[in-house]
């Protein structure tokens, strides 16, 4: 994301298996943001997303809230 600083990738292990991808963490306008791509650039199909692992990984790194964005292509 443009303007993001101190960007790093964090690999998190969960009791539910591996999340869809490593979590990207960085700072934007004084706030810490984290992102975990569920699909798009990863070999995971939408029906195979390990949602429990993704949410657990965010909780484990200290996320206070999760914003989920989705889109469908026709």
N, C-alpha and C. Protein backbone atom coordinates (compact mmCIF):
# COMPACT_ATOMS: atom_id res chain seq x y z
N UNK A 1 0.84 -1.17 0.00
CA UNK A 1 0.00 0.00 0.00
C UNK A 1 0.89 1.24 0.00
N UNK A 2 0.56 2.17 -0.84
CA UNK A 2 1.35 3.39 -0.95
C UNK A 2 1.36 4.15 0.38
N UNK A 3 2.54 4.59 0.78
CA UNK A 3 2.67 5.35 2.01
C UNK A 3 2.92 4.51 3.25
N UNK A 4 2.86 3.21 3.13
CA UNK A 4 3.09 2.32 4.27
C UNK A 4 4.58 2.24 4.57
N UNK A 5 4.94 2.32 5.83
CA UNK A 5 6.34 2.28 6.24
C UNK A 5 6.59 1.08 7.16
N UNK A 6 7.87 0.76 7.31
CA UNK A 6 8.28 -0.34 8.19
C UNK A 6 7.52 -1.63 7.87
N UNK A 7 7.41 -1.93 6.60
CA UNK A 7 6.65 -3.10 6.15
C UNK A 7 7.48 -4.37 6.36
N UNK A 8 6.83 -5.38 6.91
CA UNK A 8 7.47 -6.68 7.10
C UNK A 8 6.42 -7.77 6.95
N UNK A 9 6.90 -8.98 6.66
CA UNK A 9 6.00 -10.14 6.55
C UNK A 9 6.22 -11.02 7.77
N UNK A 10 5.11 -11.47 8.36
CA UNK A 10 5.16 -12.27 9.58
C UNK A 10 4.51 -13.63 9.29
N UNK A 11 5.23 -14.69 9.58
CA UNK A 11 4.68 -16.05 9.43
C UNK A 11 4.16 -16.48 10.79
N UNK A 12 2.89 -16.87 10.85
CA UNK A 12 2.25 -17.23 12.11
C UNK A 12 1.78 -18.67 12.04
N UNK A 13 2.05 -19.42 13.08
CA UNK A 13 1.53 -20.79 13.20
C UNK A 13 0.27 -20.75 14.05
N UNK A 14 -0.71 -21.55 13.68
CA UNK A 14 -1.96 -21.59 14.44
C UNK A 14 -2.35 -23.04 14.71
N UNK A 15 -3.22 -23.28 15.70
CA UNK A 15 -3.69 -24.65 15.94
C UNK A 15 -4.62 -25.14 14.83
N UNK A 16 -5.01 -24.24 13.93
CA UNK A 16 -5.92 -24.60 12.84
C UNK A 16 -5.18 -24.84 11.53
N UNK A 17 -3.86 -24.83 11.58
CA UNK A 17 -3.06 -24.99 10.37
C UNK A 17 -2.52 -23.65 9.92
N UNK A 18 -1.99 -23.64 8.72
CA UNK A 18 -1.37 -22.42 8.20
C UNK A 18 -2.43 -21.45 7.68
N UNK A 19 -2.23 -20.15 7.92
CA UNK A 19 -3.09 -19.16 7.29
C UNK A 19 -2.89 -19.18 5.77
N UNK A 20 -3.72 -18.48 5.04
CA UNK A 20 -3.65 -18.46 3.58
C UNK A 20 -2.33 -17.93 3.06
N UNK A 21 -1.70 -17.02 3.80
CA UNK A 21 -0.46 -16.39 3.38
C UNK A 21 0.19 -15.79 4.63
N UNK A 22 1.45 -15.36 4.49
CA UNK A 22 2.10 -14.64 5.59
C UNK A 22 1.35 -13.32 5.79
N UNK A 23 1.41 -12.77 6.98
CA UNK A 23 0.74 -11.51 7.28
C UNK A 23 1.72 -10.37 7.02
N UNK A 24 1.26 -9.39 6.25
CA UNK A 24 2.05 -8.20 5.99
C UNK A 24 1.67 -7.15 7.03
N UNK A 25 2.66 -6.63 7.74
CA UNK A 25 2.43 -5.65 8.80
C UNK A 25 3.21 -4.39 8.46
N UNK A 26 2.62 -3.23 8.70
CA UNK A 26 3.30 -1.96 8.46
C UNK A 26 2.58 -0.82 9.15
N UNK A 27 3.11 0.38 8.99
CA UNK A 27 2.53 1.56 9.61
C UNK A 27 2.04 2.52 8.53
N UNK A 28 0.86 3.09 8.75
CA UNK A 28 0.28 4.05 7.83
C UNK A 28 -0.36 5.16 8.66
N UNK A 29 0.14 6.38 8.50
CA UNK A 29 -0.39 7.54 9.21
C UNK A 29 -0.49 7.30 10.72
N UNK A 30 0.56 6.70 11.29
CA UNK A 30 0.61 6.50 12.73
C UNK A 30 -0.13 5.29 13.25
N UNK A 31 -0.72 4.51 12.38
CA UNK A 31 -1.45 3.31 12.79
C UNK A 31 -0.76 2.08 12.25
N UNK A 32 -0.80 1.01 13.02
CA UNK A 32 -0.26 -0.26 12.57
C UNK A 32 -1.37 -1.02 11.85
N UNK A 33 -1.08 -1.49 10.64
CA UNK A 33 -2.04 -2.25 9.85
C UNK A 33 -1.45 -3.62 9.53
N UNK A 34 -2.33 -4.60 9.42
CA UNK A 34 -1.92 -5.96 9.05
C UNK A 34 -2.84 -6.46 7.95
N UNK A 35 -2.29 -7.24 7.03
CA UNK A 35 -3.07 -7.76 5.92
C UNK A 35 -2.68 -9.21 5.66
N UNK A 36 -3.69 -10.05 5.46
CA UNK A 36 -3.46 -11.45 5.11
C UNK A 36 -4.28 -11.73 3.86
N UNK A 37 -3.60 -11.94 2.75
CA UNK A 37 -4.30 -12.23 1.51
C UNK A 37 -4.89 -13.63 1.57
N UNK A 38 -6.18 -13.73 1.35
CA UNK A 38 -6.82 -15.05 1.35
C UNK A 38 -6.66 -15.72 0.00
N UNK A 39 -6.78 -14.96 -1.06
CA UNK A 39 -6.58 -15.46 -2.43
C UNK A 39 -5.93 -14.35 -3.23
N UNK A 40 -5.84 -14.50 -4.51
CA UNK A 40 -5.25 -13.45 -5.35
C UNK A 40 -3.75 -13.43 -5.18
N UNK A 41 -3.05 -14.20 -5.95
CA UNK A 41 -1.60 -14.28 -5.82
C UNK A 41 -1.16 -15.46 -4.98
N UNK A 42 -2.11 -16.13 -4.35
CA UNK A 42 -1.79 -17.34 -3.61
C UNK A 42 -2.48 -18.51 -4.30
N UNK A 43 -1.99 -19.72 -4.10
CA UNK A 43 -2.59 -20.88 -4.78
C UNK A 43 -3.87 -21.39 -4.11
N UNK A 44 -4.41 -20.65 -3.15
CA UNK A 44 -5.58 -21.10 -2.39
C UNK A 44 -6.86 -20.68 -3.12
N UNK A 45 -7.74 -21.64 -3.38
CA UNK A 45 -9.03 -21.35 -3.98
C UNK A 45 -9.98 -20.82 -2.91
N UNK A 46 -10.95 -19.98 -3.27
CA UNK A 46 -11.87 -19.44 -2.27
C UNK A 46 -12.54 -20.49 -1.39
N UNK A 47 -12.85 -21.64 -1.96
CA UNK A 47 -13.51 -22.70 -1.17
C UNK A 47 -12.54 -23.39 -0.21
N UNK A 48 -11.24 -23.12 -0.35
CA UNK A 48 -10.24 -23.77 0.49
C UNK A 48 -9.62 -22.83 1.52
N UNK A 49 -10.13 -21.61 1.64
CA UNK A 49 -9.56 -20.64 2.58
C UNK A 49 -9.74 -21.14 4.01
N UNK A 50 -8.67 -21.15 4.75
CA UNK A 50 -8.70 -21.58 6.15
C UNK A 50 -9.02 -20.35 7.01
N UNK A 51 -10.30 -19.99 7.06
CA UNK A 51 -10.72 -18.77 7.76
C UNK A 51 -10.33 -18.80 9.23
N UNK A 52 -10.47 -19.94 9.87
CA UNK A 52 -10.12 -20.02 11.30
C UNK A 52 -8.66 -19.70 11.52
N UNK A 53 -7.78 -20.21 10.67
CA UNK A 53 -6.35 -19.92 10.81
C UNK A 53 -6.06 -18.45 10.54
N UNK A 54 -6.73 -17.87 9.54
CA UNK A 54 -6.52 -16.46 9.23
C UNK A 54 -6.91 -15.56 10.39
N UNK A 55 -8.09 -15.80 10.96
CA UNK A 55 -8.57 -14.98 12.09
C UNK A 55 -7.70 -15.21 13.32
N UNK A 56 -7.34 -16.45 13.59
CA UNK A 56 -6.49 -16.74 14.75
C UNK A 56 -5.13 -16.06 14.61
N UNK A 57 -4.56 -16.08 13.42
CA UNK A 57 -3.26 -15.45 13.19
C UNK A 57 -3.32 -13.95 13.44
N UNK A 58 -4.39 -13.31 13.00
CA UNK A 58 -4.55 -11.88 13.26
C UNK A 58 -4.65 -11.61 14.76
N UNK A 59 -5.42 -12.43 15.45
CA UNK A 59 -5.55 -12.27 16.90
C UNK A 59 -4.19 -12.47 17.58
N UNK A 60 -3.44 -13.46 17.12
CA UNK A 60 -2.15 -13.78 17.73
C UNK A 60 -1.15 -12.64 17.59
N UNK A 61 -1.22 -11.87 16.49
CA UNK A 61 -0.28 -10.75 16.34
C UNK A 61 -0.81 -9.48 16.99
N UNK A 62 -2.01 -9.54 17.59
CA UNK A 62 -2.52 -8.41 18.36
C UNK A 62 -3.53 -7.53 17.66
N UNK A 63 -4.13 -7.99 16.57
CA UNK A 63 -5.13 -7.18 15.88
C UNK A 63 -6.33 -6.94 16.79
N UNK A 64 -6.78 -5.69 16.83
CA UNK A 64 -7.94 -5.34 17.65
C UNK A 64 -9.24 -5.41 16.87
N UNK A 65 -9.15 -5.39 15.55
CA UNK A 65 -10.32 -5.45 14.69
C UNK A 65 -9.90 -6.03 13.34
N UNK A 66 -10.86 -6.62 12.64
CA UNK A 66 -10.60 -7.18 11.32
C UNK A 66 -11.63 -6.61 10.34
N UNK A 67 -11.14 -6.12 9.23
CA UNK A 67 -11.98 -5.65 8.14
C UNK A 67 -11.80 -6.62 6.99
N UNK A 68 -12.86 -7.24 6.57
CA UNK A 68 -12.79 -8.23 5.49
C UNK A 68 -13.37 -7.63 4.22
N UNK A 69 -12.62 -7.71 3.14
CA UNK A 69 -13.07 -7.18 1.86
C UNK A 69 -13.15 -8.34 0.87
N UNK A 70 -14.24 -8.38 0.11
CA UNK A 70 -14.38 -9.44 -0.88
C UNK A 70 -14.90 -8.86 -2.19
N UNK A 71 -14.66 -9.60 -3.24
CA UNK A 71 -15.14 -9.19 -4.56
C UNK A 71 -15.42 -10.45 -5.37
N UNK A 72 -16.27 -10.32 -6.32
CA UNK A 72 -16.58 -11.45 -7.20
C UNK A 72 -16.39 -10.99 -8.64
N UNK A 73 -15.82 -11.87 -9.43
CA UNK A 73 -15.62 -11.57 -10.84
C UNK A 73 -16.62 -12.37 -11.66
N UNK A 74 -17.16 -11.75 -12.64
CA UNK A 74 -18.14 -12.46 -13.48
C UNK A 74 -17.50 -12.93 -14.76
